[in-house]
Amino acid sequence: MKNVILLGKGSLAIKIANWFRENPEYKLNWVVPVIPEPEWTDSLVKWCNKFNVPYIQSGNYQEIPELNEFNLKIDLALSVFYHKIIKLNFIERCSQILNLHPSPLPRYRGRNPVNWALKNKERIHGVTIHQIDKGIDSGPIISQVCFSIDPEKDEVIDVYRRCLEYGWFLFLQTIPHLDYIRPTPQEDELATYHCSKDFDQLGERRFFIRTEIKNFKED
């Protein structure tokens, strides 16, 4: 049985957490939610309370109780839209530590990748599962799926929902086969990156819908 830590937020993180909980090959030791949880998505904390899964109330992965005592063997840590940068001391504690990122890496590393793809009128977007290293979204790629988008018609909410669907598909196609996948280093010369300081440059693409309707609830 593999010990698992899940970090993240929202409906996709909940589906993945539930998959680990129901799979006898894995033990979901801890969940580290994004705190405060965003109001526009389902609550990972409520899910943890419903199924009595231990979670870190502060949302800080460094507060996992067994972490400092070195009593917990972490076979797999998975980040699903987690908002904090994972530090090297935690990375080195994990046999495998992965991130599910909503972009076709190495393009659109960093924050708001869906927004930037539409802002830049891309026709192809994607989801990537990659190893976490000391950089930001720069680790070797485990798996990736790409799909078409239409910047004239699609809102951020549309592409985000597609990322959830394809992210779930990619997770199911990847995690059970991790031991047999050879990671592929990213081509850094093709990388693009945006941070939170760039947010205002997105203009009308700052929001899920260009009319600035913000009360979005995932299906």
N, C-alpha and C. Protein backbone atom coordinates (compact mmCIF):
# COMPACT_ATOMS: atom_id res chain seq x y z
N MET A 1 0.84 -1.20 0.00
CA MET A 1 0.00 0.00 0.00
C MET A 1 0.88 1.25 0.00
N LYS A 2 0.56 2.18 -0.90
CA LYS A 2 1.36 3.40 -1.03
C LYS A 2 0.74 4.54 -0.23
N ASN A 3 1.58 5.24 0.53
CA ASN A 3 1.12 6.40 1.29
C ASN A 3 1.04 7.62 0.39
N VAL A 4 -0.10 8.32 0.45
CA VAL A 4 -0.37 9.44 -0.45
C VAL A 4 -0.71 10.69 0.33
N ILE A 5 -0.19 11.82 -0.14
CA ILE A 5 -0.61 13.14 0.33
C ILE A 5 -1.14 13.90 -0.87
N LEU A 6 -2.34 14.47 -0.72
CA LEU A 6 -2.96 15.25 -1.79
C LEU A 6 -3.06 16.70 -1.37
N LEU A 7 -2.59 17.60 -2.24
CA LEU A 7 -2.66 19.03 -1.98
C LEU A 7 -3.51 19.67 -3.08
N GLY A 8 -4.46 20.55 -2.71
CA GLY A 8 -5.20 21.18 -3.79
C GLY A 8 -6.56 21.73 -3.40
N LYS A 9 -7.41 21.85 -4.41
CA LYS A 9 -8.73 22.45 -4.21
C LYS A 9 -9.68 21.97 -5.30
N GLY A 10 -10.96 22.10 -5.01
CA GLY A 10 -11.99 21.98 -6.02
C GLY A 10 -12.44 20.58 -6.39
N SER A 11 -13.32 20.53 -7.38
CA SER A 11 -13.99 19.29 -7.74
C SER A 11 -13.04 18.23 -8.27
N LEU A 12 -12.01 18.62 -9.01
CA LEU A 12 -11.07 17.63 -9.52
C LEU A 12 -10.25 17.03 -8.38
N ALA A 13 -9.81 17.85 -7.45
CA ALA A 13 -9.08 17.33 -6.28
C ALA A 13 -9.96 16.38 -5.48
N ILE A 14 -11.25 16.67 -5.38
CA ILE A 14 -12.17 15.80 -4.65
C ILE A 14 -12.31 14.45 -5.35
N LYS A 15 -12.47 14.47 -6.68
CA LYS A 15 -12.58 13.21 -7.42
C LYS A 15 -11.32 12.37 -7.25
N ILE A 16 -10.17 13.02 -7.30
CA ILE A 16 -8.91 12.31 -7.15
C ILE A 16 -8.75 11.78 -5.72
N ALA A 17 -9.12 12.58 -4.73
CA ALA A 17 -9.06 12.14 -3.34
C ALA A 17 -9.94 10.92 -3.13
N ASN A 18 -11.12 10.95 -3.72
CA ASN A 18 -12.05 9.83 -3.57
C ASN A 18 -11.51 8.58 -4.24
N TRP A 19 -10.84 8.76 -5.38
CA TRP A 19 -10.23 7.62 -6.08
C TRP A 19 -9.17 6.97 -5.19
N PHE A 20 -8.32 7.77 -4.58
CA PHE A 20 -7.30 7.23 -3.67
C PHE A 20 -7.96 6.54 -2.46
N ARG A 21 -9.01 7.15 -1.93
CA ARG A 21 -9.68 6.60 -0.75
C ARG A 21 -10.28 5.22 -1.04
N GLU A 22 -10.79 5.03 -2.25
CA GLU A 22 -11.47 3.78 -2.59
C GLU A 22 -10.53 2.73 -3.16
N ASN A 23 -9.29 3.11 -3.48
CA ASN A 23 -8.36 2.17 -4.11
C ASN A 23 -7.52 1.48 -3.03
N PRO A 24 -7.61 0.15 -2.93
CA PRO A 24 -6.90 -0.56 -1.86
C PRO A 24 -5.38 -0.52 -1.98
N GLU A 25 -4.86 -0.07 -3.13
CA GLU A 25 -3.42 -0.01 -3.31
C GLU A 25 -2.82 1.27 -2.72
N TYR A 26 -3.69 2.19 -2.29
CA TYR A 26 -3.22 3.49 -1.78
C TYR A 26 -3.85 3.79 -0.42
N LYS A 27 -3.13 4.55 0.38
CA LYS A 27 -3.66 5.08 1.63
C LYS A 27 -3.53 6.60 1.59
N LEU A 28 -4.67 7.28 1.64
CA LEU A 28 -4.67 8.75 1.63
C LEU A 28 -4.39 9.23 3.06
N ASN A 29 -3.13 9.49 3.35
CA ASN A 29 -2.73 9.84 4.72
C ASN A 29 -3.18 11.24 5.12
N TRP A 30 -2.96 12.20 4.21
CA TRP A 30 -3.28 13.59 4.52
C TRP A 30 -3.76 14.32 3.27
N VAL A 31 -4.69 15.23 3.49
CA VAL A 31 -5.10 16.19 2.46
C VAL A 31 -4.69 17.57 2.93
N VAL A 32 -4.12 18.35 2.03
CA VAL A 32 -3.72 19.73 2.33
C VAL A 32 -4.52 20.64 1.41
N PRO A 33 -5.62 21.22 1.90
CA PRO A 33 -6.46 22.06 1.05
C PRO A 33 -5.92 23.47 0.90
N VAL A 34 -6.37 24.14 -0.13
CA VAL A 34 -6.11 25.58 -0.27
C VAL A 34 -7.01 26.30 0.74
N ILE A 35 -6.40 27.10 1.60
CA ILE A 35 -7.13 27.84 2.64
C ILE A 35 -6.83 29.33 2.50
N PRO A 36 -7.84 30.21 2.44
CA PRO A 36 -9.26 29.88 2.45
C PRO A 36 -9.69 29.23 1.14
N GLU A 37 -10.69 28.37 1.23
CA GLU A 37 -11.18 27.72 0.02
C GLU A 37 -11.97 28.72 -0.82
N PRO A 38 -11.79 28.71 -2.14
CA PRO A 38 -12.57 29.60 -2.99
C PRO A 38 -14.05 29.24 -2.95
N GLU A 39 -14.91 30.24 -2.99
CA GLU A 39 -16.35 30.01 -2.88
C GLU A 39 -16.95 29.43 -4.16
N TRP A 40 -16.25 29.59 -5.29
CA TRP A 40 -16.84 29.20 -6.57
C TRP A 40 -16.66 27.73 -6.90
N THR A 41 -16.04 26.96 -6.02
CA THR A 41 -15.83 25.54 -6.30
C THR A 41 -16.22 24.70 -5.10
N ASP A 42 -16.34 23.40 -5.31
CA ASP A 42 -16.72 22.49 -4.23
C ASP A 42 -15.64 22.46 -3.14
N SER A 43 -16.06 22.16 -1.92
CA SER A 43 -15.18 22.23 -0.76
C SER A 43 -14.48 20.90 -0.51
N LEU A 44 -13.16 20.91 -0.62
CA LEU A 44 -12.37 19.73 -0.29
C LEU A 44 -12.41 19.46 1.22
N VAL A 45 -12.50 20.51 2.01
CA VAL A 45 -12.58 20.35 3.47
C VAL A 45 -13.86 19.61 3.85
N LYS A 46 -14.98 19.98 3.24
CA LYS A 46 -16.25 19.29 3.53
C LYS A 46 -16.15 17.81 3.16
N TRP A 47 -15.49 17.55 2.04
CA TRP A 47 -15.32 16.15 1.63
C TRP A 47 -14.51 15.40 2.68
N CYS A 48 -13.42 16.00 3.17
CA CYS A 48 -12.59 15.36 4.19
C CYS A 48 -13.40 15.08 5.46
N ASN A 49 -14.21 16.04 5.87
CA ASN A 49 -15.03 15.85 7.07
C ASN A 49 -16.06 14.73 6.86
N LYS A 50 -16.63 14.66 5.68
CA LYS A 50 -17.64 13.64 5.38
C LYS A 50 -17.06 12.23 5.48
N PHE A 51 -15.82 12.06 5.00
CA PHE A 51 -15.23 10.72 4.96
C PHE A 51 -14.13 10.52 6.02
N ASN A 52 -14.05 11.44 6.97
CA ASN A 52 -13.08 11.33 8.07
C ASN A 52 -11.64 11.16 7.57
N VAL A 53 -11.30 11.92 6.55
CA VAL A 53 -9.94 11.92 6.02
C VAL A 53 -9.17 13.05 6.70
N PRO A 54 -8.01 12.78 7.28
CA PRO A 54 -7.24 13.84 7.95
C PRO A 54 -6.82 14.94 6.98
N TYR A 55 -6.95 16.19 7.43
CA TYR A 55 -6.52 17.31 6.59
C TYR A 55 -5.87 18.38 7.46
N ILE A 56 -5.07 19.20 6.82
CA ILE A 56 -4.35 20.28 7.51
C ILE A 56 -5.20 21.54 7.46
N GLN A 57 -5.71 21.96 8.61
CA GLN A 57 -6.67 23.07 8.66
C GLN A 57 -6.07 24.38 8.17
N SER A 58 -4.79 24.57 8.36
CA SER A 58 -4.14 25.82 7.95
C SER A 58 -3.89 25.88 6.44
N GLY A 59 -3.89 24.71 5.79
CA GLY A 59 -3.55 24.65 4.38
C GLY A 59 -2.05 24.68 4.11
N ASN A 60 -1.25 24.57 5.17
CA ASN A 60 0.21 24.61 5.04
C ASN A 60 0.77 23.20 5.13
N TYR A 61 1.32 22.71 4.04
CA TYR A 61 1.82 21.33 4.01
C TYR A 61 2.95 21.10 5.01
N GLN A 62 3.65 22.17 5.40
CA GLN A 62 4.75 22.02 6.37
C GLN A 62 4.25 21.63 7.76
N GLU A 63 2.93 21.70 7.98
CA GLU A 63 2.36 21.37 9.29
C GLU A 63 1.84 19.94 9.37
N ILE A 64 2.13 19.12 8.38
CA ILE A 64 1.79 17.69 8.48
C ILE A 64 2.52 17.13 9.70
N PRO A 65 1.80 16.56 10.68
CA PRO A 65 2.40 16.20 11.97
C PRO A 65 3.63 15.31 11.88
N GLU A 66 3.58 14.27 11.03
CA GLU A 66 4.69 13.32 10.99
C GLU A 66 5.89 13.83 10.20
N LEU A 67 5.75 14.99 9.58
CA LEU A 67 6.78 15.45 8.65
C LEU A 67 8.12 15.68 9.34
N ASN A 68 8.09 16.39 10.45
CA ASN A 68 9.33 16.74 11.14
C ASN A 68 9.93 15.56 11.90
N GLU A 69 9.07 14.59 12.27
CA GLU A 69 9.58 13.43 13.00
C GLU A 69 10.11 12.35 12.06
N PHE A 70 9.92 12.55 10.75
CA PHE A 70 10.36 11.57 9.75
C PHE A 70 9.70 10.21 9.96
N ASN A 71 8.49 10.22 10.52
CA ASN A 71 7.77 8.97 10.75
C ASN A 71 6.91 8.56 9.57
N LEU A 72 6.71 9.45 8.62
CA LEU A 72 5.82 9.17 7.50
C LEU A 72 6.62 8.96 6.22
N LYS A 73 6.47 7.79 5.64
CA LYS A 73 7.06 7.51 4.34
C LYS A 73 6.07 7.97 3.28
N ILE A 74 6.45 8.96 2.48
CA ILE A 74 5.55 9.51 1.47
C ILE A 74 5.90 8.88 0.13
N ASP A 75 5.06 7.96 -0.32
CA ASP A 75 5.31 7.31 -1.61
C ASP A 75 4.91 8.21 -2.76
N LEU A 76 3.82 8.97 -2.57
CA LEU A 76 3.33 9.85 -3.63
C LEU A 76 2.68 11.09 -3.03
N ALA A 77 3.09 12.25 -3.48
CA ALA A 77 2.39 13.50 -3.18
C ALA A 77 1.93 14.08 -4.51
N LEU A 78 0.68 14.53 -4.54
CA LEU A 78 0.11 15.06 -5.78
C LEU A 78 -0.54 16.41 -5.51
N SER A 79 -0.14 17.41 -6.29
CA SER A 79 -0.71 18.75 -6.21
C SER A 79 -1.72 18.94 -7.33
N VAL A 80 -2.93 19.35 -6.96
CA VAL A 80 -4.00 19.59 -7.94
C VAL A 80 -4.52 21.01 -7.71
N PHE A 81 -3.93 21.96 -8.41
CA PHE A 81 -4.30 23.38 -8.27
C PHE A 81 -3.98 23.92 -6.88
N TYR A 82 -2.94 23.39 -6.26
CA TYR A 82 -2.46 23.93 -4.98
C TYR A 82 -1.73 25.23 -5.26
N HIS A 83 -1.82 26.19 -4.33
CA HIS A 83 -1.38 27.56 -4.61
C HIS A 83 -0.01 27.91 -4.05
N LYS A 84 0.56 27.06 -3.22
CA LYS A 84 1.86 27.40 -2.62
C LYS A 84 3.00 26.71 -3.36
N ILE A 85 4.16 27.36 -3.38
CA ILE A 85 5.35 26.75 -3.95
C ILE A 85 5.86 25.69 -2.97
N ILE A 86 6.11 24.49 -3.48
CA ILE A 86 6.58 23.38 -2.65
C ILE A 86 8.10 23.50 -2.49
N LYS A 87 8.55 23.52 -1.24
CA LYS A 87 9.97 23.72 -0.98
C LYS A 87 10.75 22.40 -1.05
N LEU A 88 12.05 22.56 -1.22
CA LEU A 88 12.93 21.42 -1.48
C LEU A 88 12.91 20.40 -0.35
N ASN A 89 12.79 20.86 0.90
CA ASN A 89 12.82 19.91 2.01
C ASN A 89 11.65 18.94 1.96
N PHE A 90 10.50 19.39 1.44
CA PHE A 90 9.34 18.51 1.29
C PHE A 90 9.50 17.63 0.06
N ILE A 91 9.98 18.22 -1.03
CA ILE A 91 10.20 17.46 -2.26
C ILE A 91 11.08 16.25 -1.99
N GLU A 92 12.13 16.46 -1.22
CA GLU A 92 13.09 15.39 -0.95
C GLU A 92 12.54 14.31 -0.03
N ARG A 93 11.43 14.59 0.66
CA ARG A 93 10.80 13.59 1.51
C ARG A 93 9.93 12.61 0.73
N CYS A 94 9.63 12.94 -0.51
CA CYS A 94 8.67 12.17 -1.30
C CYS A 94 9.37 11.27 -2.32
N SER A 95 8.94 10.02 -2.39
CA SER A 95 9.46 9.14 -3.44
C SER A 95 9.05 9.65 -4.81
N GLN A 96 7.80 10.12 -4.91
CA GLN A 96 7.29 10.77 -6.13
C GLN A 96 6.48 11.97 -5.69
N ILE A 97 6.72 13.11 -6.31
CA ILE A 97 5.89 14.29 -6.06
C ILE A 97 5.56 14.93 -7.39
N LEU A 98 4.26 15.02 -7.66
CA LEU A 98 3.77 15.43 -8.98
C LEU A 98 2.81 16.60 -8.86
N ASN A 99 2.68 17.31 -9.97
CA ASN A 99 1.74 18.41 -10.08
C ASN A 99 0.88 18.22 -11.32
N LEU A 100 -0.42 18.42 -11.16
CA LEU A 100 -1.33 18.45 -12.31
C LEU A 100 -1.55 19.90 -12.67
N HIS A 101 -1.02 20.31 -13.82
CA HIS A 101 -1.00 21.72 -14.20
C HIS A 101 -1.87 21.93 -15.45
N PRO A 102 -2.76 22.93 -15.44
CA PRO A 102 -3.68 23.12 -16.56
C PRO A 102 -3.08 23.90 -17.73
N SER A 103 -2.00 23.37 -18.29
CA SER A 103 -1.44 23.94 -19.51
C SER A 103 -0.58 22.89 -20.21
N PRO A 104 -0.29 23.09 -21.50
CA PRO A 104 0.60 22.17 -22.21
C PRO A 104 2.05 22.58 -21.99
N LEU A 105 2.58 22.23 -20.83
CA LEU A 105 3.97 22.60 -20.52
C LEU A 105 4.92 22.13 -21.62
N PRO A 106 5.99 22.94 -21.86
CA PRO A 106 6.51 24.04 -21.03
C PRO A 106 5.83 25.40 -21.24
N ARG A 107 4.82 25.47 -22.08
CA ARG A 107 4.12 26.75 -22.27
C ARG A 107 3.18 27.01 -21.09
N TYR A 108 3.14 28.27 -20.71
CA TYR A 108 2.23 28.74 -19.66
C TYR A 108 2.51 28.11 -18.30
N ARG A 109 3.76 28.17 -17.91
CA ARG A 109 4.10 27.89 -16.52
C ARG A 109 3.54 29.01 -15.64
N GLY A 110 3.35 28.71 -14.37
CA GLY A 110 2.95 29.76 -13.44
C GLY A 110 1.44 29.91 -13.31
N ARG A 111 1.01 31.15 -13.07
CA ARG A 111 -0.37 31.45 -12.71
C ARG A 111 -1.25 31.69 -13.93
N ASN A 112 -2.54 31.37 -13.76
CA ASN A 112 -3.60 31.68 -14.74
C ASN A 112 -3.29 31.22 -16.16
N PRO A 113 -2.85 29.97 -16.35
CA PRO A 113 -2.48 29.53 -17.70
C PRO A 113 -3.64 29.53 -18.68
N VAL A 114 -4.84 29.21 -18.22
CA VAL A 114 -6.00 29.22 -19.13
C VAL A 114 -6.28 30.64 -19.60
N ASN A 115 -6.26 31.57 -18.68
CA ASN A 115 -6.52 32.98 -19.03
C ASN A 115 -5.52 33.48 -20.05
N TRP A 116 -4.25 33.16 -19.83
CA TRP A 116 -3.22 33.65 -20.75
C TRP A 116 -3.31 32.99 -22.12
N ALA A 117 -3.68 31.73 -22.16
CA ALA A 117 -3.82 31.06 -23.45
C ALA A 117 -4.90 31.73 -24.30
N LEU A 118 -6.02 32.08 -23.67
CA LEU A 118 -7.09 32.76 -24.41
C LEU A 118 -6.71 34.19 -24.74
N LYS A 119 -6.04 34.86 -23.82
CA LYS A 119 -5.56 36.22 -24.08
C LYS A 119 -4.66 36.25 -25.31
N ASN A 120 -3.83 35.22 -25.45
CA ASN A 120 -2.87 35.14 -26.56
C ASN A 120 -3.44 34.45 -27.79
N LYS A 121 -4.76 34.17 -27.75
CA LYS A 121 -5.48 33.60 -28.91
C LYS A 121 -4.89 32.27 -29.38
N GLU A 122 -4.54 31.44 -28.40
CA GLU A 122 -4.07 30.10 -28.72
C GLU A 122 -5.22 29.25 -29.27
N ARG A 123 -4.88 28.26 -30.06
CA ARG A 123 -5.87 27.34 -30.60
C ARG A 123 -5.77 25.96 -29.96
N ILE A 124 -4.68 25.71 -29.26
CA ILE A 124 -4.46 24.44 -28.58
C ILE A 124 -4.11 24.73 -27.12
N HIS A 125 -4.73 23.98 -26.22
CA HIS A 125 -4.36 24.06 -24.81
C HIS A 125 -4.20 22.63 -24.29
N GLY A 126 -3.99 22.46 -22.99
CA GLY A 126 -3.79 21.12 -22.49
C GLY A 126 -3.63 21.05 -20.99
N VAL A 127 -3.39 19.84 -20.53
CA VAL A 127 -3.14 19.55 -19.12
C VAL A 127 -1.90 18.67 -19.04
N THR A 128 -1.06 18.92 -18.05
CA THR A 128 0.19 18.18 -17.90
C THR A 128 0.34 17.68 -16.47
N ILE A 129 0.78 16.44 -16.33
CA ILE A 129 1.24 15.93 -15.04
C ILE A 129 2.75 15.87 -15.10
N HIS A 130 3.41 16.55 -14.17
CA HIS A 130 4.87 16.63 -14.20
C HIS A 130 5.45 16.47 -12.81
N GLN A 131 6.71 16.11 -12.76
CA GLN A 131 7.41 16.05 -11.48
C GLN A 131 7.64 17.46 -10.96
N ILE A 132 7.54 17.62 -9.66
CA ILE A 132 7.84 18.90 -9.03
C ILE A 132 9.33 18.95 -8.70
N ASP A 133 9.98 20.02 -9.13
CA ASP A 133 11.37 20.26 -8.75
C ASP A 133 11.46 21.63 -8.09
N LYS A 134 12.66 22.16 -7.94
CA LYS A 134 12.82 23.43 -7.23
C LYS A 134 12.36 24.63 -8.05
N GLY A 135 12.08 24.45 -9.33
CA GLY A 135 11.56 25.53 -10.16
C GLY A 135 10.04 25.61 -10.08
N ILE A 136 9.46 26.45 -10.92
CA ILE A 136 8.00 26.61 -10.97
C ILE A 136 7.48 25.95 -12.24
N ASP A 137 6.78 24.83 -12.06
CA ASP A 137 6.21 24.08 -13.19
C ASP A 137 7.27 23.68 -14.21
N SER A 138 8.46 23.41 -13.74
CA SER A 138 9.59 23.17 -14.66
C SER A 138 10.09 21.73 -14.66
N GLY A 139 9.51 20.87 -13.83
CA GLY A 139 10.00 19.51 -13.71
C GLY A 139 9.66 18.63 -14.90
N PRO A 140 10.33 17.49 -15.03
CA PRO A 140 10.10 16.58 -16.15
C PRO A 140 8.64 16.16 -16.28
N ILE A 141 8.20 16.00 -17.51
CA ILE A 141 6.81 15.68 -17.81
C ILE A 141 6.57 14.18 -17.70
N ILE A 142 5.52 13.81 -16.98
CA ILE A 142 5.09 12.42 -16.87
C ILE A 142 4.09 12.09 -17.96
N SER A 143 3.10 12.95 -18.15
CA SER A 143 2.08 12.74 -19.18
C SER A 143 1.43 14.06 -19.53
N GLN A 144 0.81 14.10 -20.70
CA GLN A 144 0.19 15.34 -21.17
C GLN A 144 -0.92 15.01 -22.17
N VAL A 145 -1.95 15.83 -22.14
CA VAL A 145 -3.02 15.72 -23.12
C VAL A 145 -3.33 17.12 -23.63
N CYS A 146 -3.57 17.25 -24.93
CA CYS A 146 -3.88 18.54 -25.54
C CYS A 146 -5.25 18.49 -26.20
N PHE A 147 -5.88 19.66 -26.33
CA PHE A 147 -7.20 19.74 -26.93
C PHE A 147 -7.38 21.11 -27.58
N SER A 148 -8.33 21.19 -28.48
CA SER A 148 -8.57 22.44 -29.21
C SER A 148 -9.36 23.43 -28.36
N ILE A 149 -9.05 24.71 -28.54
CA ILE A 149 -9.84 25.78 -27.94
C ILE A 149 -10.10 26.83 -29.01
N ASP A 150 -11.10 27.66 -28.76
CA ASP A 150 -11.47 28.71 -29.71
C ASP A 150 -11.50 30.05 -28.98
N PRO A 151 -10.47 30.87 -29.14
CA PRO A 151 -10.40 32.12 -28.39
C PRO A 151 -11.50 33.12 -28.76
N GLU A 152 -12.12 32.93 -29.92
CA GLU A 152 -13.23 33.81 -30.30
C GLU A 152 -14.51 33.45 -29.55
N LYS A 153 -14.71 32.18 -29.28
CA LYS A 153 -15.96 31.73 -28.66
C LYS A 153 -15.80 31.33 -27.20
N ASP A 154 -14.68 30.74 -26.86
CA ASP A 154 -14.50 30.19 -25.51
C ASP A 154 -14.27 31.28 -24.47
N GLU A 155 -14.94 31.12 -23.34
CA GLU A 155 -14.62 31.91 -22.15
C GLU A 155 -13.62 31.12 -21.31
N VAL A 156 -13.01 31.78 -20.34
CA VAL A 156 -12.09 31.11 -19.44
C VAL A 156 -12.79 29.93 -18.75
N ILE A 157 -14.05 30.14 -18.36
CA ILE A 157 -14.80 29.09 -17.68
C ILE A 157 -14.92 27.84 -18.55
N ASP A 158 -15.09 28.03 -19.87
CA ASP A 158 -15.23 26.89 -20.78
C ASP A 158 -13.96 26.06 -20.83
N VAL A 159 -12.84 26.72 -21.00
CA VAL A 159 -11.57 26.00 -21.10
C VAL A 159 -11.18 25.41 -19.75
N TYR A 160 -11.49 26.12 -18.67
CA TYR A 160 -11.21 25.60 -17.34
C TYR A 160 -11.96 24.30 -17.09
N ARG A 161 -13.24 24.28 -17.47
CA ARG A 161 -14.03 23.06 -17.31
C ARG A 161 -13.46 21.92 -18.15
N ARG A 162 -12.98 22.25 -19.34
CA ARG A 162 -12.37 21.22 -20.17
C ARG A 162 -11.09 20.69 -19.51
N CYS A 163 -10.34 21.60 -18.87
CA CYS A 163 -9.14 21.16 -18.15
C CYS A 163 -9.50 20.20 -17.02
N LEU A 164 -10.62 20.42 -16.35
CA LEU A 164 -11.06 19.50 -15.31
C LEU A 164 -11.36 18.13 -15.90
N GLU A 165 -12.05 18.11 -17.03
CA GLU A 165 -12.41 16.84 -17.67
C GLU A 165 -11.18 16.10 -18.15
N TYR A 166 -10.32 16.81 -18.87
CA TYR A 166 -9.11 16.17 -19.40
C TYR A 166 -8.12 15.85 -18.28
N GLY A 167 -8.12 16.66 -17.23
CA GLY A 167 -7.25 16.39 -16.10
C GLY A 167 -7.62 15.08 -15.40
N TRP A 168 -8.92 14.85 -15.26
CA TRP A 168 -9.39 13.59 -14.66
C TRP A 168 -9.02 12.41 -15.56
N PHE A 169 -9.23 12.56 -16.86
CA PHE A 169 -8.83 11.52 -17.81
C PHE A 169 -7.34 11.24 -17.72
N LEU A 170 -6.53 12.29 -17.68
CA LEU A 170 -5.08 12.13 -17.64
C LEU A 170 -4.64 11.46 -16.35
N PHE A 171 -5.26 11.84 -15.24
CA PHE A 171 -4.95 11.21 -13.95
C PHE A 171 -5.19 9.71 -14.01
N LEU A 172 -6.35 9.31 -14.53
CA LEU A 172 -6.69 7.89 -14.59
C LEU A 172 -5.76 7.11 -15.51
N GLN A 173 -5.26 7.78 -16.55
CA GLN A 173 -4.36 7.12 -17.49
C GLN A 173 -2.92 7.08 -17.00
N THR A 174 -2.62 7.86 -15.97
CA THR A 174 -1.23 8.05 -15.55
C THR A 174 -0.88 7.37 -14.23
N ILE A 175 -1.63 7.68 -13.19
CA ILE A 175 -1.23 7.27 -11.83
C ILE A 175 -1.09 5.76 -11.67
N PRO A 176 -2.00 4.94 -12.20
CA PRO A 176 -1.82 3.50 -12.03
C PRO A 176 -0.57 2.94 -12.71
N HIS A 177 0.01 3.71 -13.64
CA HIS A 177 1.15 3.22 -14.42
C HIS A 177 2.44 3.98 -14.13
N LEU A 178 2.48 4.70 -13.03
CA LEU A 178 3.63 5.56 -12.73
C LEU A 178 4.96 4.81 -12.74
N ASP A 179 4.95 3.59 -12.26
CA ASP A 179 6.20 2.84 -12.15
C ASP A 179 6.80 2.50 -13.52
N TYR A 180 6.01 2.65 -14.57
CA TYR A 180 6.47 2.25 -15.91
C TYR A 180 6.67 3.44 -16.85
N ILE A 181 6.51 4.64 -16.33
CA ILE A 181 6.61 5.84 -17.17
C ILE A 181 7.97 6.49 -16.97
N ARG A 182 8.64 6.78 -18.07
CA ARG A 182 9.92 7.49 -18.02
C ARG A 182 9.67 8.99 -18.21
N PRO A 183 9.98 9.82 -17.23
CA PRO A 183 9.74 11.27 -17.36
C PRO A 183 10.57 11.87 -18.49
N THR A 184 9.99 12.89 -19.13
CA THR A 184 10.64 13.59 -20.24
C THR A 184 11.01 15.01 -19.81
N PRO A 185 12.28 15.39 -19.83
CA PRO A 185 12.65 16.76 -19.45
C PRO A 185 11.95 17.78 -20.34
N GLN A 186 11.58 18.90 -19.74
CA GLN A 186 10.95 19.98 -20.51
C GLN A 186 11.99 20.70 -21.36
N GLU A 187 11.52 21.22 -22.49
CA GLU A 187 12.38 22.05 -23.34
C GLU A 187 12.27 23.49 -22.85
N ASP A 188 13.22 23.89 -22.03
CA ASP A 188 13.14 25.20 -21.37
C ASP A 188 13.13 26.36 -22.36
N GLU A 189 13.73 26.17 -23.53
CA GLU A 189 13.76 27.25 -24.51
C GLU A 189 12.38 27.55 -25.08
N LEU A 190 11.42 26.65 -24.88
CA LEU A 190 10.05 26.86 -25.35
C LEU A 190 9.13 27.37 -24.24
N ALA A 191 9.67 27.55 -23.06
CA ALA A 191 8.84 27.87 -21.90
C ALA A 191 8.35 29.31 -21.92
N THR A 192 7.12 29.49 -21.44
CA THR A 192 6.58 30.81 -21.12
C THR A 192 6.10 30.78 -19.67
N TYR A 193 6.06 31.95 -19.04
CA TYR A 193 5.76 31.99 -17.61
C TYR A 193 5.05 33.29 -17.27
N HIS A 194 4.06 33.19 -16.37
CA HIS A 194 3.39 34.37 -15.84
C HIS A 194 3.20 34.20 -14.33
N CYS A 195 3.35 35.31 -13.61
CA CYS A 195 3.15 35.29 -12.17
C CYS A 195 1.93 36.13 -11.82
N SER A 196 1.59 36.18 -10.53
CA SER A 196 0.40 36.91 -10.10
C SER A 196 0.51 38.41 -10.37
N LYS A 197 1.73 38.93 -10.44
CA LYS A 197 1.91 40.36 -10.72
C LYS A 197 1.47 40.73 -12.14
N ASP A 198 1.38 39.73 -13.01
CA ASP A 198 0.97 39.99 -14.39
C ASP A 198 -0.54 40.02 -14.56
N PHE A 199 -1.29 39.76 -13.49
CA PHE A 199 -2.73 39.51 -13.61
C PHE A 199 -3.49 40.64 -14.29
N ASP A 200 -3.20 41.88 -13.94
CA ASP A 200 -3.94 43.01 -14.50
C ASP A 200 -3.75 43.15 -16.01
N GLN A 201 -2.66 42.57 -16.53
CA GLN A 201 -2.42 42.63 -17.97
C GLN A 201 -3.38 41.75 -18.77
N LEU A 202 -4.13 40.91 -18.07
CA LEU A 202 -5.07 40.02 -18.76
C LEU A 202 -6.30 40.74 -19.28
N GLY A 203 -6.57 41.94 -18.78
CA GLY A 203 -7.73 42.68 -19.25
C GLY A 203 -9.02 41.93 -19.01
N GLU A 204 -9.85 41.80 -20.05
CA GLU A 204 -11.14 41.13 -19.91
C GLU A 204 -11.00 39.63 -19.65
N ARG A 205 -9.81 39.09 -19.85
CA ARG A 205 -9.59 37.67 -19.60
C ARG A 205 -9.23 37.40 -18.14
N ARG A 206 -9.35 38.41 -17.29
CA ARG A 206 -9.09 38.20 -15.86
C ARG A 206 -10.15 37.31 -15.23
N PHE A 207 -11.35 37.30 -15.82
CA PHE A 207 -12.48 36.65 -15.18
C PHE A 207 -12.92 35.41 -15.95
N PHE A 208 -13.73 34.57 -15.27
CA PHE A 208 -14.23 33.36 -15.91
C PHE A 208 -15.03 33.68 -17.17
N ILE A 209 -15.78 34.78 -17.12
CA ILE A 209 -16.59 35.21 -18.26
C ILE A 209 -16.28 36.68 -18.51
N ARG A 210 -16.18 37.05 -19.77
CA ARG A 210 -15.73 38.40 -20.09
C ARG A 210 -16.68 39.49 -19.62
N THR A 211 -17.94 39.14 -19.35
CA THR A 211 -18.88 40.12 -18.82
C THR A 211 -18.69 40.31 -17.31
N GLU A 212 -17.64 39.65 -16.76
CA GLU A 212 -17.26 39.78 -15.35
C GLU A 212 -18.25 39.12 -14.41
N ILE A 213 -18.99 38.12 -14.91
CA ILE A 213 -19.83 37.32 -14.03
C ILE A 213 -18.92 36.38 -13.26
N LYS A 214 -18.88 36.51 -11.95
CA LYS A 214 -17.89 35.77 -11.18
C LYS A 214 -18.49 34.62 -10.36
N ASN A 215 -19.81 34.53 -10.31
CA ASN A 215 -20.42 33.53 -9.45
C ASN A 215 -20.48 32.19 -10.17
N PHE A 216 -19.32 31.63 -10.42
CA PHE A 216 -19.21 30.37 -11.15
C PHE A 216 -19.23 29.20 -10.18
N LYS A 217 -20.03 28.18 -10.51
CA LYS A 217 -20.06 26.94 -9.74
C LYS A 217 -19.78 25.79 -10.69
N GLU A 218 -18.78 24.98 -10.37
CA GLU A 218 -18.43 23.85 -11.23
C GLU A 218 -19.56 22.83 -11.24
N ASP A 219 -19.69 22.14 -12.36
CA ASP A 219 -20.65 21.04 -12.44
C ASP A 219 -20.18 19.87 -11.60
